[in-house]
Protein backbone atom coordinates (compact mmCIF):
# COMPACT_ATOMS: atom_id res chain seq x y z
CA MET A 1 48.34 183.68 77.33
CA LYS A 2 51.54 184.59 79.12
CA PHE A 3 52.10 187.45 81.54
CA GLY A 4 54.91 189.90 82.07
CA ILE A 5 55.53 192.70 84.52
CA PHE A 6 56.79 196.06 83.36
CA TYR A 7 59.11 198.63 84.93
CA GLU A 8 59.66 202.27 84.07
CA LEU A 9 61.03 202.83 87.59
CA GLN A 10 58.81 205.86 88.06
CA LEU A 11 59.61 208.23 90.91
CA PRO A 12 57.26 211.18 91.36
CA ARG A 13 58.46 214.11 93.42
CA PRO A 14 59.24 214.92 96.18
CA TRP A 15 62.54 213.02 96.27
CA GLY A 16 64.42 212.18 99.45
CA PRO A 17 68.06 211.08 99.81
CA ASP A 18 67.06 207.40 99.78
CA SER A 19 64.23 207.55 97.23
CA GLU A 20 66.07 206.03 94.28
CA TRP A 21 67.81 203.44 96.47
CA GLN A 22 64.42 202.36 97.82
CA LEU A 23 62.87 202.37 94.34
CA TYR A 24 65.46 199.99 92.93
CA ASN A 25 65.44 197.64 95.91
CA ASN A 26 61.64 197.46 95.96
CA ALA A 27 61.57 196.68 92.26
CA LEU A 28 64.09 193.86 92.65
CA GLY A 29 62.02 192.45 95.49
CA GLN A 30 58.94 192.53 93.26
CA LEU A 31 60.82 190.66 90.52
CA GLU A 32 61.87 187.98 92.99
CA LEU A 33 58.24 187.60 94.06
CA ALA A 34 57.01 187.46 90.46
CA ASP A 35 59.56 184.74 89.71
CA ARG A 36 58.33 182.63 92.63
CA LEU A 37 54.72 183.17 91.60
CA GLY A 38 55.28 181.93 88.05
CA TYR A 39 55.11 185.11 85.97
CA ASP A 40 56.68 184.60 82.57
CA TYR A 41 58.54 187.85 81.81
CA ALA A 42 59.99 190.92 83.50
CA TRP A 43 60.47 193.91 81.17
CA GLU A 44 62.67 196.90 81.96
CA VAL A 45 62.86 200.11 79.94
CA GLU A 46 65.81 202.31 79.02
CA HIS A 47 65.19 206.03 79.32
CA HIS A 48 67.40 209.05 79.81
CA PHE A 49 66.68 212.44 81.42
CA LEU A 50 62.92 211.84 81.91
CA GLU A 51 62.41 213.17 85.44
CA GLU A 52 59.76 211.39 87.53
CA TYR A 53 58.55 209.33 84.55
CA SER A 54 61.50 206.92 84.38
CA HIS A 55 64.71 206.69 86.42
CA SER A 56 66.01 203.72 84.41
CA PRO A 57 69.03 204.61 82.25
CA ALA A 58 70.93 201.32 82.73
CA PRO A 59 68.50 198.39 82.42
CA GLU A 60 71.33 195.92 81.83
CA VAL A 61 72.61 196.63 85.37
CA PHE A 62 69.16 196.26 86.91
CA LEU A 63 68.43 193.07 84.97
CA GLY A 64 71.90 191.76 85.82
CA ALA A 65 71.04 192.07 89.49
CA ALA A 66 67.67 190.43 88.82
CA SER A 67 69.39 187.54 87.04
CA GLN A 68 71.06 186.55 90.31
CA ARG A 69 67.88 186.80 92.36
CA THR A 70 65.54 184.86 90.03
CA LYS A 71 65.51 181.42 88.43
CA ASN A 72 62.88 181.13 85.72
CA ILE A 73 61.38 184.46 84.71
CA ARG A 74 62.50 185.77 81.32
CA LEU A 75 64.43 189.05 81.57
CA GLY A 76 63.37 191.46 78.88
CA HIS A 77 64.83 194.70 77.61
CA GLY A 78 61.71 196.65 76.88
CA ILE A 79 63.55 198.29 75.29
CA MET A 80 67.27 198.96 74.74
CA GLN A 81 67.71 202.15 72.72
CA LEU A 82 69.69 201.66 69.51
CA THR A 83 69.82 205.42 68.94
CA THR A 84 71.85 206.25 72.06
CA ALA A 85 74.50 203.49 72.08
CA HIS A 86 76.91 201.90 69.63
CA PRO A 87 75.73 198.50 68.29
CA SER A 88 78.82 196.70 69.60
CA ARG A 89 78.13 197.93 73.14
CA VAL A 90 74.52 196.82 72.81
CA VAL A 91 75.52 193.29 71.78
CA GLU A 92 78.18 193.04 74.48
CA ARG A 93 75.67 193.94 77.20
CA ILE A 94 72.99 191.61 75.85
CA ALA A 95 75.45 188.71 75.65
CA VAL A 96 76.79 189.19 79.18
CA LEU A 97 73.27 189.35 80.61
CA ASP A 98 72.31 186.22 78.66
CA LEU A 99 75.28 184.36 80.16
CA LEU A 100 74.57 185.57 83.69
CA SER A 101 70.89 184.59 83.43
CA ASN A 102 71.55 181.19 81.83
CA GLY A 103 69.86 182.17 78.59
CA ARG A 104 66.79 184.05 79.82
CA VAL A 105 67.18 187.34 77.90
CA GLU A 106 64.61 188.89 75.57
CA PHE A 107 66.23 191.52 73.35
CA GLY A 108 63.78 194.39 72.91
CA MET A 109 65.01 197.25 70.73
CA GLY A 110 63.74 200.74 70.01
CA GLU A 111 64.40 204.23 68.77
CA SER A 112 63.22 206.40 71.71
CA ALA A 113 60.09 208.49 71.29
CA SER A 114 61.34 211.70 72.86
CA ILE A 115 63.50 214.57 71.65
CA THR A 116 64.43 215.07 75.31
CA GLU A 117 66.43 211.84 75.06
CA LEU A 118 67.60 212.00 71.46
CA GLU A 119 68.93 215.55 71.25
CA PRO A 120 71.98 215.04 73.52
CA TYR A 121 73.02 212.13 71.28
CA ASN A 122 72.68 214.19 68.07
CA VAL A 123 69.80 212.08 66.77
CA THR A 124 66.69 213.74 65.34
CA MET A 125 63.11 212.54 65.50
CA GLU A 126 63.05 212.56 61.70
CA GLY A 127 66.24 210.52 61.40
CA LYS A 128 65.77 208.02 64.22
CA ARG A 129 64.16 205.23 62.15
CA ALA A 130 67.04 205.17 59.66
CA HIS A 131 69.50 205.22 62.58
CA PHE A 132 67.67 202.31 64.23
CA GLU A 133 67.57 200.19 61.08
CA ASP A 134 71.25 200.74 60.36
CA ALA A 135 72.05 199.72 63.95
CA VAL A 136 70.07 196.47 63.50
CA ARG A 137 71.99 195.65 60.33
CA CYS A 138 75.26 196.42 62.09
CA LEU A 139 74.65 194.45 65.28
CA THR A 140 73.05 191.28 63.89
CA PRO A 141 76.28 189.60 62.66
CA MET A 142 78.04 190.50 65.92
CA PHE A 143 76.20 187.60 67.61
CA ASN A 144 77.81 185.11 65.23
CA ASP A 145 81.04 183.23 65.91
CA GLY A 146 84.19 184.93 64.66
CA GLY A 147 84.70 188.50 63.54
CA CYS A 148 82.52 190.79 61.45
CA GLU A 149 82.68 194.20 59.86
CA TYR A 150 80.01 196.63 58.72
CA HIS A 151 79.97 199.72 56.53
CA GLY A 152 76.61 201.47 56.62
CA THR A 153 75.07 204.92 56.58
CA HIS A 154 75.36 205.58 60.33
CA PHE A 155 77.91 203.00 61.49
CA ASP A 156 81.30 202.07 60.09
CA PHE A 157 82.70 199.13 62.05
CA PRO A 158 86.10 197.54 61.31
CA LEU A 159 86.70 193.80 61.47
CA ARG A 160 86.43 192.74 65.10
CA ASN A 161 85.18 189.79 67.15
CA VAL A 162 82.52 191.09 69.55
CA LEU A 163 82.81 189.11 72.79
CA PRO A 164 81.38 187.31 74.68
CA LYS A 165 78.74 185.43 72.71
CA SER A 166 75.21 184.98 74.04
CA ARG A 167 74.10 181.65 75.52
CA GLN A 168 70.99 181.56 73.31
CA LYS A 169 71.78 180.74 69.69
CA PRO A 170 71.86 182.41 67.29
CA HIS A 171 70.86 185.25 69.64
CA PRO A 172 68.16 186.12 72.22
CA PRO A 173 64.66 186.69 70.77
CA MET A 174 64.41 190.11 69.14
CA TRP A 175 61.51 192.51 69.73
CA VAL A 176 60.78 196.09 68.73
CA ALA A 177 58.97 198.78 70.72
CA CYS A 178 55.60 199.78 69.29
CA SER A 179 54.97 203.16 70.89
CA GLN A 180 52.73 204.03 67.96
CA LEU A 181 50.18 201.45 66.89
CA GLU A 182 51.22 201.44 63.24
CA THR A 183 54.62 200.16 64.41
CA ILE A 184 52.90 196.84 65.20
CA ALA A 185 52.50 196.20 61.49
CA TYR A 186 56.11 197.32 60.98
CA ALA A 187 57.25 194.79 63.60
CA GLY A 188 55.47 192.03 61.68
CA ARG A 189 57.07 193.04 58.39
CA CYS A 190 60.51 193.05 60.01
CA GLY A 191 59.97 189.69 61.72
CA PHE A 192 60.37 191.11 65.22
CA GLY A 193 58.23 190.45 68.26
CA ALA A 194 55.91 193.42 68.84
CA LEU A 195 56.06 195.16 72.23
CA GLY A 196 52.89 197.26 72.22
CA PHE A 197 53.25 200.17 74.63
CA GLN A 198 49.81 201.55 73.79
CA PHE A 199 46.79 200.88 75.99
CA VAL A 200 44.20 199.40 73.65
CA SER A 201 40.75 197.85 73.85
CA ALA A 202 40.14 194.17 73.09
CA ASP A 203 38.56 195.16 69.75
CA ALA A 204 41.67 197.13 68.82
CA ALA A 205 43.86 194.23 69.91
CA HIS A 206 41.94 191.89 67.60
CA ALA A 207 42.53 194.14 64.60
CA TRP A 208 46.20 194.71 65.35
CA VAL A 209 46.91 191.01 65.96
CA HIS A 210 45.60 190.35 62.46
CA ALA A 211 47.72 193.19 61.06
CA TYR A 212 50.81 191.87 62.84
CA TYR A 213 50.54 188.24 61.79
CA ASN A 214 49.46 189.05 58.23
CA ASN A 215 52.53 191.24 57.81
CA PHE A 216 54.69 188.58 59.47
CA THR A 217 53.47 185.77 57.20
CA ARG A 218 52.73 187.59 53.92
CA HIS A 219 54.89 190.69 53.74
CA GLN A 220 57.97 189.93 55.83
CA GLN A 221 61.15 191.76 54.83
CA LYS A 222 63.77 191.33 57.54
CA LEU A 223 66.33 194.09 57.99
CA ALA A 224 69.17 191.56 58.38
CA ALA A 225 69.84 187.83 58.82
CA TYR A 226 68.42 187.50 62.35
CA GLN A 227 66.05 184.80 63.57
CA ALA A 228 62.42 185.94 63.35
CA ASN A 229 60.36 186.10 66.54
CA PRO A 230 56.56 185.76 66.04
CA ASN A 231 55.14 187.23 69.23
CA MET A 232 52.81 190.07 70.12
CA ALA A 233 52.62 191.58 73.60
CA LEU A 234 50.55 194.49 74.89
CA VAL A 235 51.10 196.57 78.03
CA SER A 236 48.15 197.27 80.33
CA MET A 237 47.77 199.33 83.48
CA PHE A 238 47.26 196.87 86.33
CA MET A 239 46.04 196.51 89.90
CA CYS A 240 44.30 193.43 91.26
CA CYS A 241 42.43 193.70 94.59
CA ARG A 242 39.50 191.96 96.23
CA THR A 243 37.05 194.59 94.95
CA ASP A 244 36.97 196.92 91.96
CA GLU A 245 36.71 199.94 94.25
CA GLU A 246 39.79 198.97 96.24
CA ALA A 247 41.77 198.38 93.06
CA ARG A 248 40.87 201.77 91.61
CA ILE A 249 41.88 203.53 94.82
CA LYS A 250 45.22 201.71 95.01
CA ALA A 251 45.92 202.28 91.30
CA ASP A 252 45.41 206.01 91.59
CA GLY A 253 48.74 206.70 89.89
CA ALA A 254 48.21 204.35 86.94
CA THR A 255 47.44 207.08 84.43
CA PHE A 256 50.57 208.99 85.49
CA PHE A 257 52.29 206.73 82.94
CA GLN A 258 50.11 208.08 80.12
CA PHE A 259 50.33 211.65 81.36
CA CYS A 260 54.14 211.66 81.37
CA LEU A 261 54.35 209.75 78.09
CA ARG A 262 52.36 212.46 76.37
CA PHE A 263 54.39 215.20 77.99
CA TYR A 264 57.80 213.86 77.03
CA GLY A 265 56.72 212.44 73.69
CA ALA A 266 54.64 215.37 72.42
CA SER A 267 55.67 217.36 69.33
CA SER A 268 59.42 217.50 68.83
CA GLY A 269 59.51 221.21 68.04
CA ARG A 270 58.07 222.60 71.25
CA GLN A 271 60.24 224.10 73.97
CA ARG A 272 61.09 221.73 76.82
CA PRO A 273 61.13 223.17 80.34
CA ALA A 274 64.50 223.19 82.08
CA PRO A 275 65.29 220.28 84.45
CA GLY A 276 63.66 220.65 87.84
CA THR A 277 61.24 223.39 86.78
CA VAL A 278 58.14 221.20 86.41
CA ASN A 279 56.73 219.00 89.16
CA MET A 280 55.11 216.29 87.07
CA TRP A 281 53.14 214.77 89.93
CA ASP A 282 51.63 218.11 90.91
CA GLU A 283 50.69 218.79 87.30
CA TYR A 284 49.17 215.32 87.05
CA GLU A 285 47.08 215.87 90.18
CA LYS A 286 45.98 219.23 88.83
CA TRP A 287 44.93 217.67 85.56
CA LYS A 288 42.88 214.99 87.36
CA ARG A 289 41.08 217.62 89.44
CA GLU A 290 40.25 219.70 86.38
CA ASN A 291 39.30 216.73 84.18
CA PRO A 292 37.58 214.12 86.39
CA ASP A 293 35.62 212.53 83.55
CA ALA A 294 38.68 212.30 81.33
CA ALA A 295 40.73 210.81 84.17
CA GLU A 296 38.02 208.21 84.79
CA LYS A 297 37.92 207.28 81.10
CA ALA A 298 41.69 206.92 80.92
CA MET A 299 41.68 204.62 83.96
CA SER A 300 38.94 202.38 82.55
CA GLY A 301 41.16 200.95 79.83
CA GLY A 302 43.41 198.99 82.15
CA LEU A 303 43.33 195.71 84.02
CA ILE A 304 42.28 197.34 87.27
CA GLY A 305 39.76 195.55 89.43
CA SER A 306 38.80 192.36 91.22
CA PRO A 307 39.93 188.93 90.02
CA GLU A 308 36.57 188.33 88.37
CA THR A 309 36.65 191.70 86.58
CA LEU A 310 40.15 190.98 85.29
CA ARG A 311 39.20 187.48 84.15
CA LYS A 312 36.34 188.92 82.06
CA LYS A 313 38.60 191.51 80.44
CA LEU A 314 41.39 189.03 79.79
CA ARG A 315 39.06 186.53 78.13
CA LYS A 316 38.35 189.18 75.49
CA PHE A 317 42.07 189.75 74.95
CA GLU A 318 42.67 186.01 74.85
CA SER A 319 40.10 185.64 72.08
CA SER A 320 42.14 188.18 70.09
CA HIS A 321 45.16 185.85 70.29
CA ILE A 322 47.51 188.20 72.12
CA ASP A 323 50.58 186.16 73.07
CA GLN A 324 51.40 188.11 76.22
CA VAL A 325 49.90 190.80 78.44
CA ILE A 326 52.50 192.94 80.22
CA LEU A 327 51.22 194.30 83.53
CA LEU A 328 52.16 197.86 84.49
CA ASN A 329 51.93 197.84 88.28
CA GLN A 330 54.82 200.12 89.26
CA ALA A 331 53.31 203.47 88.30
CA GLY A 332 52.94 206.82 89.97
CA ARG A 333 52.88 206.42 93.74
CA ASN A 334 51.57 202.87 93.84
CA THR A 335 53.08 201.40 96.99
CA HIS A 336 55.46 198.47 97.20
CA GLN A 337 53.06 196.53 99.42
CA ASP A 338 50.09 197.12 97.12
CA ILE A 339 52.15 196.04 94.11
CA CYS A 340 53.21 192.81 95.83
CA ASP A 341 49.69 192.06 97.08
CA SER A 342 48.32 192.64 93.58
CA LEU A 343 50.87 190.31 91.99
CA GLU A 344 50.07 187.59 94.52
CA LEU A 345 46.29 187.80 94.18
CA PHE A 346 46.46 187.80 90.38
CA ALA A 347 48.82 184.81 90.35
CA GLN A 348 46.56 182.86 92.69
CA GLU A 349 43.14 183.60 91.23
CA VAL A 350 43.52 184.78 87.62
CA MET A 351 46.75 183.63 85.99
CA PRO A 352 46.21 179.82 86.19
CA GLU A 353 43.17 179.92 83.88
CA PHE A 354 45.11 181.69 81.13
CA HIS A 355 48.33 179.76 81.60
CA ALA A 356 46.31 176.59 81.04
CA ASN A 357 45.35 177.85 77.59
CA ILE A 358 48.93 178.51 76.36
CA PRO A 359 49.07 175.21 74.39
CA ALA A 360 45.93 176.22 72.48
CA GLN A 361 47.45 179.62 71.64
CA ASP A 362 50.67 177.94 70.52
CA GLU A 363 48.72 175.63 68.23
CA TRP A 364 46.75 178.57 66.75
CA LYS A 365 50.02 180.38 66.08
CA ARG A 366 51.59 177.27 64.51
CA GLN A 367 48.68 177.02 62.09
CA VAL A 368 48.82 180.74 61.25
CA LEU A 369 52.57 180.58 60.56
CA ALA A 370 52.13 177.42 58.48
CA GLY A 371 49.37 179.01 56.43
CA ASP A 372 46.72 176.57 57.63
CA ILE A 373 44.77 179.50 59.12
CA GLN A 374 44.32 182.53 56.90
CA LEU A 375 43.64 185.68 58.90
CA GLU A 376 41.27 188.27 57.52
CA GLU A 377 42.82 191.61 56.55
CA LEU A 378 41.04 193.81 59.08
CA ALA A 379 41.00 197.59 58.83
CA THR A 380 42.96 199.26 61.61
CA ASP A 381 41.97 202.84 60.72
CA GLY A 382 39.52 202.99 63.60
CA TYR A 383 42.13 201.86 66.13
CA GLN A 384 44.90 204.43 65.79
CA MET A 385 44.91 205.79 69.36
CA ARG A 386 45.57 204.30 72.76
CA PHE A 387 42.56 203.62 74.99
CA GLY A 388 41.34 206.95 76.36
CA GLU A 389 44.09 208.94 74.59
CA LYS A 390 41.85 211.91 73.83
CA ALA A 391 41.29 212.24 77.53
CA VAL A 392 44.95 212.56 78.40
CA ALA A 393 45.68 216.09 77.21
CA LEU A 394 48.53 218.08 78.71
CA LYS A 395 47.17 221.60 78.89
CA ALA A 396 48.80 222.17 82.26
CA VAL A 397 52.35 221.46 81.16
CA GLY A 398 52.38 221.28 77.36
């Protein structure tokens, strides 16, 4: 199993004049450390207008800086929004980053899950999937040598040569965001890698791995002539400390991710508060005080604990044949020092065991893709919600 680190660039209030400067510099320092420690991937989101939850509107700039401060770690867009940018601009940015990083880019794509982001770009929640799929069809040939043109439902692109071309041929590996669990099966059908942004149990992971690879091998219908990417990754809240108690204390802000995700992603028709009128961190703290059992349940789904606790949890995920676990360490008010200490301890005492088993996972995948292993069609009906989702209600702000 491989490991990534994940960045929303969260910044709870209050904000000082240097808060965002410090946030970005700390995150780059953490990526440098992760590269030295042997982590496999660094994933950076793209979000717009989501106060406190994510101050990351230009991931290509952040990852461009990271490309010059790292040597081996793969640099992943997790994800680049195809609903808020023209396909040609997306391909140009991906190609430049791939050149600067010497071919280390992972091209994650998505629709956005929030009307807060989509509305200013005149994209509706109901129409975003069609917009996304048309963008994929438009951008795919732009990676090829020479010019291309496209005439679709959302994009009409005249004959042009989109430059430069990426270092990886025919293009960097393509992934799709799976903010809803059913999108994992969709990713398999489309031939994309699945970036699972739900927090799920090992049992749920087992069922969804089967759904993903069965769709990939038996029901694949690519949207365009891109190279398929058979990979499944899941995000998990993360803090590794010497004891479980210490880890839970230092990961106090882990569920802030879930809290904000539900707030910004909840029903598209409800009224959004005006910018600056809601203090998300205060509302989060209020919710935890009023719902201690629910907060405890939400926290229990993550990789938060001692090295031995994390090894036990990861062995269950490994048996489900997850390709990659993406560790969400930069969340809430988790401190820079605690994040770095956690990354170091995990790399020293946990990661080597699972890195050693990557060849076995690769062989299992080879046999699945070749049809030598037939995966059972498991029901996913019982695994439709993220771990502890019922607990993370937003009565205070919703």
